[in-house]
Amino acid sequence: MDDSLPGTFFALLCIPAVFAVPVWLIAVAVKLVSAALPGRRPDWRSDLLRWSAWMTGSGAVILYVLGAGAVAFAVHESSSGADSTPSQDCRDDHRAGHLVGQTASWLPLRFDCVLDDGGTYPSSPAYTWINTLVAVLGLASIALVVANGYAAERRARAGAGEGER
């Protein structure tokens, strides 16, 4: 398999993800305002839990794709042109004289600079933040799905308890 295939895939997905970010932000703002205004649907709590689970999950996917696009861009930049190796992302550090290459990882997202002694260091602290936010949003989505299931079970039990009377 070609090593550039994941990079090309994520670079192409990055374009729609960039356009999805403002749409996602507007949708979240509109939903929060609609949940706060009077005249809500009777089942607005379960609807909000279900919707929040979908939105945190989609936020995690969008953020991951944007981060993967950044890794793909760094890989492309480090392998194209006469002045590409070592990567521009790795040259800003005081260890630039000891660089021999770079490595990329898609899970977790990383673009590391490789030193002549075999050690590595991250090219940017942004990947740590992206990985952390993707994990937090993913776990929040799972927690919201569990909370929605718990709430549905509680409503079903309360409905069954009222039917026995």
N, C-alpha and C. Protein backbone atom coordinates (compact mmCIF):
# COMPACT_ATOMS: atom_id res chain seq x y z
N MET A 1 0.84 -1.19 0.00
CA MET A 1 0.00 0.00 0.00
C MET A 1 0.88 1.24 0.00
N ASP A 2 0.48 2.22 -0.73
CA ASP A 2 1.20 3.48 -0.84
C ASP A 2 1.09 4.25 0.47
N ASP A 3 2.24 4.75 0.98
CA ASP A 3 2.24 5.50 2.23
C ASP A 3 1.54 6.84 2.12
N SER A 4 1.40 7.36 0.91
CA SER A 4 0.76 8.67 0.76
C SER A 4 -0.76 8.57 0.67
N LEU A 5 -1.29 7.36 0.60
CA LEU A 5 -2.73 7.19 0.48
C LEU A 5 -3.51 7.78 1.65
N PRO A 6 -3.15 7.49 2.93
CA PRO A 6 -3.90 8.12 4.02
C PRO A 6 -3.79 9.64 3.99
N GLY A 7 -2.61 10.14 3.64
CA GLY A 7 -2.43 11.59 3.58
C GLY A 7 -3.32 12.23 2.53
N THR A 8 -3.40 11.61 1.36
CA THR A 8 -4.25 12.13 0.30
C THR A 8 -5.71 12.08 0.72
N PHE A 9 -6.10 10.98 1.34
CA PHE A 9 -7.48 10.82 1.80
C PHE A 9 -7.86 11.91 2.80
N PHE A 10 -6.99 12.13 3.82
CA PHE A 10 -7.30 13.13 4.83
C PHE A 10 -7.19 14.55 4.29
N ALA A 11 -6.30 14.77 3.34
CA ALA A 11 -6.21 16.09 2.74
C ALA A 11 -7.48 16.43 1.98
N LEU A 12 -8.05 15.44 1.29
CA LEU A 12 -9.30 15.68 0.57
C LEU A 12 -10.48 15.85 1.53
N LEU A 13 -10.48 15.11 2.63
CA LEU A 13 -11.56 15.26 3.61
C LEU A 13 -11.47 16.57 4.38
N CYS A 14 -10.30 17.14 4.43
CA CYS A 14 -10.08 18.36 5.20
C CYS A 14 -10.88 19.53 4.62
N ILE A 15 -11.06 19.54 3.31
CA ILE A 15 -11.77 20.65 2.67
C ILE A 15 -13.23 20.73 3.13
N PRO A 16 -14.01 19.63 3.06
CA PRO A 16 -15.38 19.74 3.59
C PRO A 16 -15.42 19.96 5.10
N ALA A 17 -14.42 19.46 5.82
CA ALA A 17 -14.40 19.65 7.28
C ALA A 17 -14.24 21.12 7.62
N VAL A 18 -13.47 21.85 6.84
CA VAL A 18 -13.31 23.29 7.08
C VAL A 18 -14.64 24.00 6.92
N PHE A 19 -15.42 23.60 5.94
CA PHE A 19 -16.74 24.21 5.75
C PHE A 19 -17.75 23.72 6.78
N ALA A 20 -17.53 22.54 7.35
CA ALA A 20 -18.46 22.00 8.34
C ALA A 20 -18.35 22.71 9.69
N VAL A 21 -17.20 23.27 10.00
CA VAL A 21 -17.00 23.90 11.31
C VAL A 21 -17.98 25.04 11.55
N PRO A 22 -18.12 26.03 10.65
CA PRO A 22 -19.08 27.10 10.94
C PRO A 22 -20.53 26.60 10.97
N VAL A 23 -20.85 25.63 10.13
CA VAL A 23 -22.20 25.06 10.14
C VAL A 23 -22.46 24.40 11.49
N TRP A 24 -21.47 23.66 11.99
CA TRP A 24 -21.59 22.98 13.29
C TRP A 24 -21.78 24.00 14.40
N LEU A 25 -21.00 25.07 14.39
CA LEU A 25 -21.11 26.11 15.43
C LEU A 25 -22.47 26.80 15.40
N ILE A 26 -22.96 27.11 14.21
CA ILE A 26 -24.28 27.75 14.09
C ILE A 26 -25.37 26.81 14.57
N ALA A 27 -25.28 25.52 14.20
CA ALA A 27 -26.29 24.55 14.64
C ALA A 27 -26.32 24.42 16.15
N VAL A 28 -25.15 24.40 16.78
CA VAL A 28 -25.10 24.31 18.24
C VAL A 28 -25.72 25.54 18.88
N ALA A 29 -25.40 26.72 18.36
CA ALA A 29 -25.95 27.96 18.92
C ALA A 29 -27.47 28.01 18.77
N VAL A 30 -27.97 27.64 17.61
CA VAL A 30 -29.42 27.66 17.37
C VAL A 30 -30.13 26.66 18.28
N LYS A 31 -29.56 25.48 18.45
CA LYS A 31 -30.20 24.47 19.30
C LYS A 31 -30.22 24.92 20.76
N LEU A 32 -29.13 25.51 21.22
CA LEU A 32 -29.10 25.98 22.61
C LEU A 32 -30.12 27.09 22.84
N VAL A 33 -30.26 28.00 21.90
CA VAL A 33 -31.26 29.07 22.02
C VAL A 33 -32.66 28.48 21.99
N SER A 34 -32.89 27.51 21.08
CA SER A 34 -34.24 26.93 21.00
C SER A 34 -34.58 26.12 22.26
N ALA A 35 -33.58 25.56 22.92
CA ALA A 35 -33.85 24.82 24.15
C ALA A 35 -34.13 25.76 25.32
N ALA A 36 -33.62 26.98 25.24
CA ALA A 36 -33.81 27.93 26.33
C ALA A 36 -35.11 28.72 26.20
N LEU A 37 -35.65 28.83 25.02
CA LEU A 37 -36.86 29.63 24.81
C LEU A 37 -38.11 28.87 25.25
N PRO A 38 -39.16 29.60 25.65
CA PRO A 38 -40.41 28.92 26.00
C PRO A 38 -41.08 28.33 24.75
N GLY A 39 -42.00 27.42 24.96
CA GLY A 39 -42.71 26.78 23.85
C GLY A 39 -41.98 25.57 23.31
N ARG A 40 -41.18 24.94 24.14
CA ARG A 40 -40.44 23.76 23.71
C ARG A 40 -41.37 22.55 23.59
N ARG A 41 -40.89 21.54 22.87
CA ARG A 41 -41.62 20.29 22.77
C ARG A 41 -41.66 19.61 24.13
N PRO A 42 -42.66 18.79 24.40
CA PRO A 42 -42.72 18.10 25.69
C PRO A 42 -41.52 17.17 25.94
N ASP A 43 -40.97 16.60 24.90
CA ASP A 43 -39.84 15.68 25.07
C ASP A 43 -38.50 16.36 24.77
N TRP A 44 -38.40 17.63 25.08
CA TRP A 44 -37.21 18.40 24.70
C TRP A 44 -35.95 17.91 25.39
N ARG A 45 -36.07 17.35 26.58
CA ARG A 45 -34.86 16.87 27.28
C ARG A 45 -34.22 15.69 26.56
N SER A 46 -35.03 14.71 26.20
CA SER A 46 -34.47 13.54 25.50
C SER A 46 -34.01 13.94 24.10
N ASP A 47 -34.74 14.83 23.46
CA ASP A 47 -34.32 15.32 22.15
C ASP A 47 -32.97 16.04 22.25
N LEU A 48 -32.79 16.85 23.29
CA LEU A 48 -31.54 17.58 23.48
C LEU A 48 -30.40 16.62 23.78
N LEU A 49 -30.64 15.58 24.58
CA LEU A 49 -29.60 14.58 24.86
C LEU A 49 -29.18 13.85 23.58
N ARG A 50 -30.15 13.42 22.81
CA ARG A 50 -29.87 12.70 21.57
C ARG A 50 -29.13 13.59 20.58
N TRP A 51 -29.59 14.81 20.44
CA TRP A 51 -28.97 15.76 19.52
C TRP A 51 -27.55 16.10 19.98
N SER A 52 -27.35 16.27 21.28
CA SER A 52 -26.03 16.58 21.81
C SER A 52 -25.05 15.43 21.58
N ALA A 53 -25.53 14.21 21.70
CA ALA A 53 -24.68 13.06 21.43
C ALA A 53 -24.21 13.06 19.97
N TRP A 54 -25.14 13.33 19.06
CA TRP A 54 -24.77 13.41 17.64
C TRP A 54 -23.80 14.56 17.37
N MET A 55 -24.04 15.69 17.99
CA MET A 55 -23.19 16.85 17.71
C MET A 55 -21.80 16.71 18.33
N THR A 56 -21.68 16.13 19.52
CA THR A 56 -20.34 15.93 20.08
C THR A 56 -19.58 14.88 19.27
N GLY A 57 -20.28 13.86 18.82
CA GLY A 57 -19.64 12.86 17.97
C GLY A 57 -19.18 13.44 16.64
N SER A 58 -20.05 14.25 16.02
CA SER A 58 -19.65 14.87 14.75
C SER A 58 -18.54 15.89 14.97
N GLY A 59 -18.56 16.58 16.11
CA GLY A 59 -17.47 17.51 16.43
C GLY A 59 -16.14 16.79 16.56
N ALA A 60 -16.15 15.61 17.16
CA ALA A 60 -14.93 14.81 17.29
C ALA A 60 -14.42 14.37 15.92
N VAL A 61 -15.33 13.96 15.06
CA VAL A 61 -14.93 13.53 13.72
C VAL A 61 -14.38 14.70 12.92
N ILE A 62 -15.05 15.85 12.97
CA ILE A 62 -14.59 17.03 12.24
C ILE A 62 -13.20 17.44 12.73
N LEU A 63 -13.02 17.48 14.04
CA LEU A 63 -11.73 17.87 14.60
C LEU A 63 -10.63 16.88 14.23
N TYR A 64 -10.95 15.58 14.26
CA TYR A 64 -9.96 14.58 13.87
C TYR A 64 -9.56 14.75 12.41
N VAL A 65 -10.53 14.97 11.55
CA VAL A 65 -10.24 15.12 10.12
C VAL A 65 -9.38 16.37 9.89
N LEU A 66 -9.68 17.46 10.59
CA LEU A 66 -8.85 18.66 10.45
C LEU A 66 -7.42 18.40 10.93
N GLY A 67 -7.27 17.71 12.04
CA GLY A 67 -5.93 17.36 12.53
C GLY A 67 -5.20 16.43 11.58
N ALA A 68 -5.91 15.45 11.04
CA ALA A 68 -5.30 14.53 10.09
C ALA A 68 -4.91 15.27 8.81
N GLY A 69 -5.70 16.26 8.44
CA GLY A 69 -5.33 17.09 7.29
C GLY A 69 -4.06 17.88 7.56
N ALA A 70 -3.89 18.34 8.79
CA ALA A 70 -2.65 19.06 9.16
C ALA A 70 -1.45 18.12 9.10
N VAL A 71 -1.62 16.88 9.57
CA VAL A 71 -0.54 15.89 9.48
C VAL A 71 -0.24 15.60 8.01
N ALA A 72 -1.29 15.42 7.20
CA ALA A 72 -1.09 15.15 5.77
C ALA A 72 -0.35 16.30 5.09
N PHE A 73 -0.70 17.52 5.46
CA PHE A 73 -0.01 18.69 4.88
C PHE A 73 1.46 18.70 5.29
N ALA A 74 1.75 18.39 6.56
CA ALA A 74 3.13 18.36 7.03
C ALA A 74 3.92 17.26 6.32
N VAL A 75 3.29 16.09 6.11
CA VAL A 75 3.95 15.00 5.38
C VAL A 75 4.23 15.44 3.95
N HIS A 76 3.26 16.06 3.32
CA HIS A 76 3.44 16.51 1.94
C HIS A 76 4.56 17.54 1.84
N GLU A 77 4.57 18.49 2.74
CA GLU A 77 5.59 19.54 2.73
C GLU A 77 6.99 18.97 2.99
N SER A 78 7.07 17.90 3.77
CA SER A 78 8.38 17.33 4.09
C SER A 78 8.90 16.39 3.01
N SER A 79 8.08 16.11 2.02
CA SER A 79 8.52 15.18 0.97
C SER A 79 8.45 15.79 -0.42
N SER A 80 8.31 17.10 -0.50
CA SER A 80 8.18 17.76 -1.80
C SER A 80 9.16 18.91 -1.90
N GLY A 81 9.96 18.90 -2.93
CA GLY A 81 10.83 20.04 -3.20
C GLY A 81 12.25 19.86 -2.71
N ALA A 82 13.10 20.79 -3.12
CA ALA A 82 14.53 20.71 -2.81
C ALA A 82 14.82 21.03 -1.35
N ASP A 83 14.03 21.89 -0.74
CA ASP A 83 14.30 22.32 0.64
C ASP A 83 13.28 21.71 1.60
N SER A 84 12.92 20.45 1.37
CA SER A 84 11.83 19.88 2.16
C SER A 84 12.30 19.01 3.32
N THR A 85 13.51 18.48 3.27
CA THR A 85 13.98 17.61 4.33
C THR A 85 15.17 18.24 5.03
N PRO A 86 15.18 18.37 6.32
CA PRO A 86 14.12 18.02 7.25
C PRO A 86 12.95 18.99 7.14
N SER A 87 11.85 18.57 7.69
CA SER A 87 10.61 19.33 7.59
C SER A 87 10.76 20.74 8.17
N GLN A 88 10.05 21.66 7.55
CA GLN A 88 10.05 23.04 8.05
C GLN A 88 9.52 23.10 9.47
N ASP A 89 8.57 22.23 9.80
CA ASP A 89 8.00 22.20 11.15
C ASP A 89 9.04 21.84 12.21
N CYS A 90 10.08 21.12 11.80
CA CYS A 90 11.10 20.66 12.75
C CYS A 90 12.29 21.61 12.86
N ARG A 91 12.43 22.55 11.96
CA ARG A 91 13.62 23.40 11.91
C ARG A 91 13.64 24.53 12.93
N ASP A 92 12.53 24.85 13.53
CA ASP A 92 12.47 25.99 14.44
C ASP A 92 13.09 25.70 15.80
N ASP A 93 13.39 24.47 16.08
CA ASP A 93 13.88 24.07 17.38
C ASP A 93 15.41 24.16 17.43
N HIS A 94 15.98 24.26 18.63
CA HIS A 94 17.43 24.31 18.79
C HIS A 94 18.11 22.99 18.42
N ARG A 95 17.33 21.92 18.28
CA ARG A 95 17.87 20.61 17.92
C ARG A 95 17.92 20.41 16.41
N ALA A 96 17.66 21.44 15.63
CA ALA A 96 17.56 21.32 14.18
C ALA A 96 18.84 20.78 13.54
N GLY A 97 19.98 21.02 14.15
CA GLY A 97 21.24 20.51 13.60
C GLY A 97 21.37 19.00 13.68
N HIS A 98 20.56 18.37 14.52
CA HIS A 98 20.64 16.92 14.73
C HIS A 98 19.50 16.17 14.05
N LEU A 99 18.73 16.84 13.20
CA LEU A 99 17.59 16.19 12.54
C LEU A 99 18.05 15.26 11.43
N VAL A 100 17.40 14.11 11.36
CA VAL A 100 17.67 13.18 10.27
C VAL A 100 16.39 12.80 9.52
N GLY A 101 15.24 13.19 10.03
CA GLY A 101 13.99 12.85 9.35
C GLY A 101 12.79 13.19 10.19
N GLN A 102 11.67 12.63 9.79
CA GLN A 102 10.42 12.86 10.50
C GLN A 102 9.52 11.64 10.32
N THR A 103 8.58 11.48 11.25
CA THR A 103 7.61 10.39 11.17
C THR A 103 6.22 10.97 11.40
N ALA A 104 5.24 10.33 10.80
CA ALA A 104 3.84 10.75 10.96
C ALA A 104 3.04 9.59 11.52
N SER A 105 2.03 9.93 12.30
CA SER A 105 1.13 8.92 12.86
C SER A 105 -0.30 9.45 12.71
N TRP A 106 -1.21 8.54 12.37
CA TRP A 106 -2.61 8.94 12.18
C TRP A 106 -3.46 8.65 13.41
N LEU A 107 -2.99 7.76 14.28
CA LEU A 107 -3.73 7.48 15.50
C LEU A 107 -2.73 7.16 16.61
N PRO A 108 -2.47 8.02 17.52
CA PRO A 108 -2.94 9.40 17.62
C PRO A 108 -2.26 10.27 16.58
N LEU A 109 -2.84 11.41 16.33
CA LEU A 109 -2.29 12.33 15.35
C LEU A 109 -0.95 12.87 15.84
N ARG A 110 0.08 12.70 15.02
CA ARG A 110 1.41 13.17 15.38
C ARG A 110 2.22 13.43 14.13
N PHE A 111 3.11 14.36 14.22
CA PHE A 111 4.16 14.55 13.23
C PHE A 111 5.41 14.84 14.04
N ASP A 112 6.29 13.84 14.15
CA ASP A 112 7.46 13.93 15.02
C ASP A 112 8.73 14.13 14.20
N CYS A 113 9.64 14.83 14.81
CA CYS A 113 10.95 15.06 14.23
C CYS A 113 11.91 14.01 14.80
N VAL A 114 12.69 13.36 13.93
CA VAL A 114 13.59 12.29 14.35
C VAL A 114 15.01 12.84 14.41
N LEU A 115 15.67 12.61 15.55
CA LEU A 115 17.04 13.08 15.78
C LEU A 115 18.06 12.00 15.40
N ASP A 116 19.31 12.39 15.24
CA ASP A 116 20.35 11.45 14.84
C ASP A 116 20.63 10.39 15.90
N ASP A 117 20.26 10.63 17.15
CA ASP A 117 20.46 9.61 18.18
C ASP A 117 19.27 8.65 18.30
N GLY A 118 18.28 8.79 17.42
CA GLY A 118 17.10 7.92 17.43
C GLY A 118 15.92 8.47 18.21
N GLY A 119 16.13 9.55 18.95
CA GLY A 119 15.04 10.17 19.71
C GLY A 119 14.12 10.96 18.80
N THR A 120 12.96 11.27 19.33
CA THR A 120 12.00 12.08 18.58
C THR A 120 11.46 13.18 19.48
N TYR A 121 10.92 14.20 18.85
CA TYR A 121 10.19 15.24 19.58
C TYR A 121 9.07 15.73 18.67
N PRO A 122 7.95 16.16 19.26
CA PRO A 122 6.81 16.60 18.45
C PRO A 122 7.13 17.91 17.72
N SER A 123 6.65 18.00 16.50
CA SER A 123 6.89 19.21 15.71
C SER A 123 6.01 20.36 16.19
N SER A 124 4.87 20.03 16.81
CA SER A 124 3.95 21.07 17.25
C SER A 124 3.15 20.57 18.45
N PRO A 125 2.94 21.44 19.46
CA PRO A 125 2.09 21.03 20.59
C PRO A 125 0.61 21.00 20.22
N ALA A 126 0.27 21.50 19.05
CA ALA A 126 -1.14 21.52 18.64
C ALA A 126 -1.71 20.12 18.51
N TYR A 127 -0.89 19.15 18.12
CA TYR A 127 -1.40 17.78 17.98
C TYR A 127 -1.85 17.21 19.32
N THR A 128 -1.18 17.58 20.39
CA THR A 128 -1.59 17.13 21.72
C THR A 128 -2.98 17.67 22.05
N TRP A 129 -3.20 18.94 21.75
CA TRP A 129 -4.51 19.55 22.02
C TRP A 129 -5.59 18.93 21.14
N ILE A 130 -5.28 18.70 19.88
CA ILE A 130 -6.27 18.10 18.98
C ILE A 130 -6.64 16.70 19.46
N ASN A 131 -5.64 15.89 19.78
CA ASN A 131 -5.91 14.52 20.27
C ASN A 131 -6.73 14.55 21.55
N THR A 132 -6.40 15.47 22.45
CA THR A 132 -7.14 15.57 23.71
C THR A 132 -8.59 15.97 23.46
N LEU A 133 -8.81 16.97 22.62
CA LEU A 133 -10.18 17.42 22.33
C LEU A 133 -10.99 16.35 21.61
N VAL A 134 -10.36 15.62 20.69
CA VAL A 134 -11.07 14.53 20.00
C VAL A 134 -11.49 13.46 21.02
N ALA A 135 -10.58 13.12 21.94
CA ALA A 135 -10.92 12.12 22.96
C ALA A 135 -12.02 12.60 23.88
N VAL A 136 -11.95 13.87 24.31
CA VAL A 136 -12.97 14.42 25.20
C VAL A 136 -14.33 14.45 24.50
N LEU A 137 -14.37 14.93 23.26
CA LEU A 137 -15.64 14.97 22.54
C LEU A 137 -16.19 13.56 22.28
N GLY A 138 -15.31 12.61 21.95
CA GLY A 138 -15.76 11.24 21.74
C GLY A 138 -16.33 10.62 23.01
N LEU A 139 -15.62 10.81 24.13
CA LEU A 139 -16.12 10.29 25.40
C LEU A 139 -17.41 10.98 25.83
N ALA A 140 -17.51 12.28 25.58
CA ALA A 140 -18.75 13.00 25.90
C ALA A 140 -19.91 12.47 25.08
N SER A 141 -19.66 12.16 23.82
CA SER A 141 -20.71 11.59 22.98
C SER A 141 -21.18 10.24 23.52
N ILE A 142 -20.25 9.40 23.91
CA ILE A 142 -20.61 8.10 24.49
C ILE A 142 -21.38 8.29 25.79
N ALA A 143 -20.94 9.21 26.63
CA ALA A 143 -21.64 9.48 27.89
C ALA A 143 -23.06 9.98 27.64
N LEU A 144 -23.23 10.81 26.63
CA LEU A 144 -24.57 11.32 26.31
C LEU A 144 -25.47 10.21 25.78
N VAL A 145 -24.93 9.29 25.01
CA VAL A 145 -25.72 8.15 24.53
C VAL A 145 -26.17 7.30 25.72
N VAL A 146 -25.26 7.05 26.66
CA VAL A 146 -25.60 6.27 27.85
C VAL A 146 -26.64 7.01 28.69
N ALA A 147 -26.47 8.32 28.86
CA ALA A 147 -27.43 9.11 29.63
C ALA A 147 -28.81 9.09 28.97
N ASN A 148 -28.85 9.15 27.64
CA ASN A 148 -30.13 9.11 26.94
C ASN A 148 -30.80 7.74 27.12
N GLY A 149 -30.02 6.68 27.07
CA GLY A 149 -30.58 5.34 27.32
C GLY A 149 -31.09 5.20 28.74
N TYR A 150 -30.35 5.73 29.69
CA TYR A 150 -30.78 5.70 31.09
C TYR A 150 -32.08 6.49 31.27
N ALA A 151 -32.15 7.67 30.66
CA ALA A 151 -33.35 8.49 30.78
C ALA A 151 -34.56 7.81 30.13
N ALA A 152 -34.35 7.15 28.99
CA ALA A 152 -35.45 6.44 28.34
C ALA A 152 -35.94 5.28 29.19
N GLU A 153 -34.99 4.57 29.80
CA GLU A 153 -35.37 3.46 30.69
C GLU A 153 -36.14 3.98 31.90
N ARG A 154 -35.72 5.09 32.43
CA ARG A 154 -36.40 5.68 33.59
C ARG A 154 -37.82 6.13 33.23
N ARG A 155 -37.96 6.73 32.05
CA ARG A 155 -39.30 7.14 31.60
C ARG A 155 -40.19 5.92 31.38
N ALA A 156 -39.62 4.86 30.82
CA ALA A 156 -40.41 3.65 30.58
C ALA A 156 -40.86 3.01 31.89
N ARG A 157 -39.98 3.00 32.88
CA ARG A 157 -40.36 2.43 34.18
C ARG A 157 -41.40 3.30 34.87
N ALA A 158 -41.26 4.63 34.73
CA ALA A 158 -42.24 5.52 35.36
C ALA A 158 -43.59 5.35 34.66
N GLY A 159 -43.58 5.18 33.35
CA GLY A 159 -44.83 4.97 32.61
C GLY A 159 -45.48 3.64 32.97
N ALA A 160 -44.67 2.61 33.19
CA ALA A 160 -45.21 1.31 33.59
C ALA A 160 -45.75 1.36 35.01
N GLY A 161 -45.12 2.15 35.87
CA GLY A 161 -45.59 2.29 37.26
C GLY A 161 -46.91 3.03 37.32
N GLU A 162 -47.12 3.99 36.45
CA GLU A 162 -48.39 4.72 36.42
C GLU A 162 -49.50 3.86 35.85
N GLY A 163 -49.16 2.95 34.93
CA GLY A 163 -50.17 2.08 34.33
C GLY A 163 -50.69 1.05 35.29
N GLU A 164 -49.95 0.70 36.35
CA GLU A 164 -50.39 -0.31 37.31
C GLU A 164 -51.41 0.25 38.28
N ARG A 165 -51.48 1.52 38.44
CA ARG A 165 -52.39 2.11 39.42
C ARG A 165 -53.80 2.12 38.98
